[in-house]
Protein backbone atom coordinates (compact mmCIF):
# COMPACT_ATOMS: atom_id res chain seq x y z
CA MET A 1 18.94 -23.50 24.23
CA ALA A 2 20.74 -25.45 21.42
CA THR A 3 21.61 -25.02 17.69
CA TYR A 4 20.87 -28.22 15.76
CA CYS A 5 21.08 -25.98 11.91
CA GLU A 6 21.32 -23.02 10.75
CA ILE A 7 19.85 -22.14 7.26
CA ARG A 8 20.86 -18.92 5.52
CA GLU A 9 19.71 -17.41 2.15
CA VAL A 10 22.45 -16.02 -0.26
CA SER A 11 21.69 -13.42 -3.05
CA ASP A 12 23.24 -15.22 -5.83
CA MET A 13 25.14 -18.63 -7.18
CA ALA A 14 28.52 -17.05 -7.01
CA ASP A 15 27.64 -16.53 -3.61
CA LEU A 16 26.97 -20.13 -2.56
CA GLU A 17 29.97 -21.28 -5.03
CA ALA A 18 32.60 -19.44 -3.04
CA TRP A 19 31.51 -20.57 0.17
CA ALA A 20 31.45 -23.56 -0.96
CA GLU A 21 34.96 -24.00 -2.01
CA ALA A 22 35.70 -22.08 0.89
CA HIS A 23 34.03 -24.84 3.04
CA ALA A 24 34.87 -27.82 0.63
CA ALA A 25 31.34 -28.06 0.43
CA GLN A 26 29.15 -29.84 -2.38
CA ILE A 27 26.59 -28.00 -4.21
CA VAL A 28 23.09 -29.94 -4.16
CA ARG A 29 20.22 -29.15 -6.51
CA ASN A 30 17.09 -29.42 -4.10
CA GLY A 31 14.27 -29.10 -6.53
CA GLN A 32 12.55 -25.94 -7.32
CA THR A 33 9.81 -23.41 -5.91
CA LEU A 34 6.21 -23.47 -6.75
CA GLY A 35 7.37 -20.41 -9.30
CA GLY A 36 9.34 -22.40 -10.79
CA CYS A 37 13.02 -21.49 -9.60
CA VAL A 38 15.93 -23.93 -8.82
CA ILE A 39 16.44 -24.50 -5.40
CA TYR A 40 20.80 -25.07 -4.74
CA SER A 41 22.12 -25.65 -1.62
CA ALA A 42 25.59 -26.22 0.46
CA THR A 43 26.03 -27.79 3.56
CA CYS A 44 29.11 -27.71 6.20
CA GLY A 45 28.20 -28.74 9.65
CA SER A 46 25.31 -27.44 11.12
CA LEU A 47 24.97 -24.54 8.55
CA THR A 48 23.20 -24.66 5.54
CA LEU A 49 23.70 -22.22 2.56
CA VAL A 50 20.59 -21.69 0.08
CA CYS A 51 20.07 -20.19 -3.50
CA VAL A 52 17.25 -19.30 -5.41
CA PRO A 53 18.39 -17.95 -8.62
CA ARG A 54 15.25 -15.66 -9.87
CA ARG A 55 16.50 -15.10 -13.52
CA ARG A 56 15.88 -18.62 -15.02
CA PRO A 57 12.71 -20.23 -14.21
CA VAL A 58 12.15 -24.36 -15.00
CA GLY A 59 9.51 -25.59 -16.98
CA ARG A 60 7.13 -23.86 -19.09
CA SER A 61 6.66 -19.81 -19.23
CA GLY A 62 5.21 -17.77 -21.70
CA PRO A 63 1.21 -17.07 -21.70
CA GLN A 64 0.55 -21.11 -22.33
CA ALA A 65 1.74 -21.42 -18.74
CA LEU A 66 -0.47 -19.00 -17.25
CA ALA A 67 -3.45 -20.28 -18.56
CA ILE A 68 -2.45 -23.91 -17.56
CA LYS A 69 -1.38 -22.78 -14.19
CA THR A 70 -4.89 -20.41 -13.92
CA GLY A 71 -6.79 -23.18 -15.80
CA GLU A 72 -8.14 -20.50 -18.53
CA LEU A 73 -6.82 -23.82 -21.05
CA ASP A 74 -9.24 -25.46 -21.03
CA ARG A 75 -12.24 -23.24 -21.80
């Protein structure tokens, strides 16, 4: 069975940046998770490393965001 691509998650951006620099790979922002965390990746050959830093969600946060997500703002 052939391997077409391999995707691994790293724990933090420092690990992703170090790997990308060592492999001359560019770090790309791929969007965000449903929870609002930004997704970054770097690819070299058939290996892609992914990092989802959990400390800085994108978009709204706080009580109003929770109300919007749960639909309670309309009540």
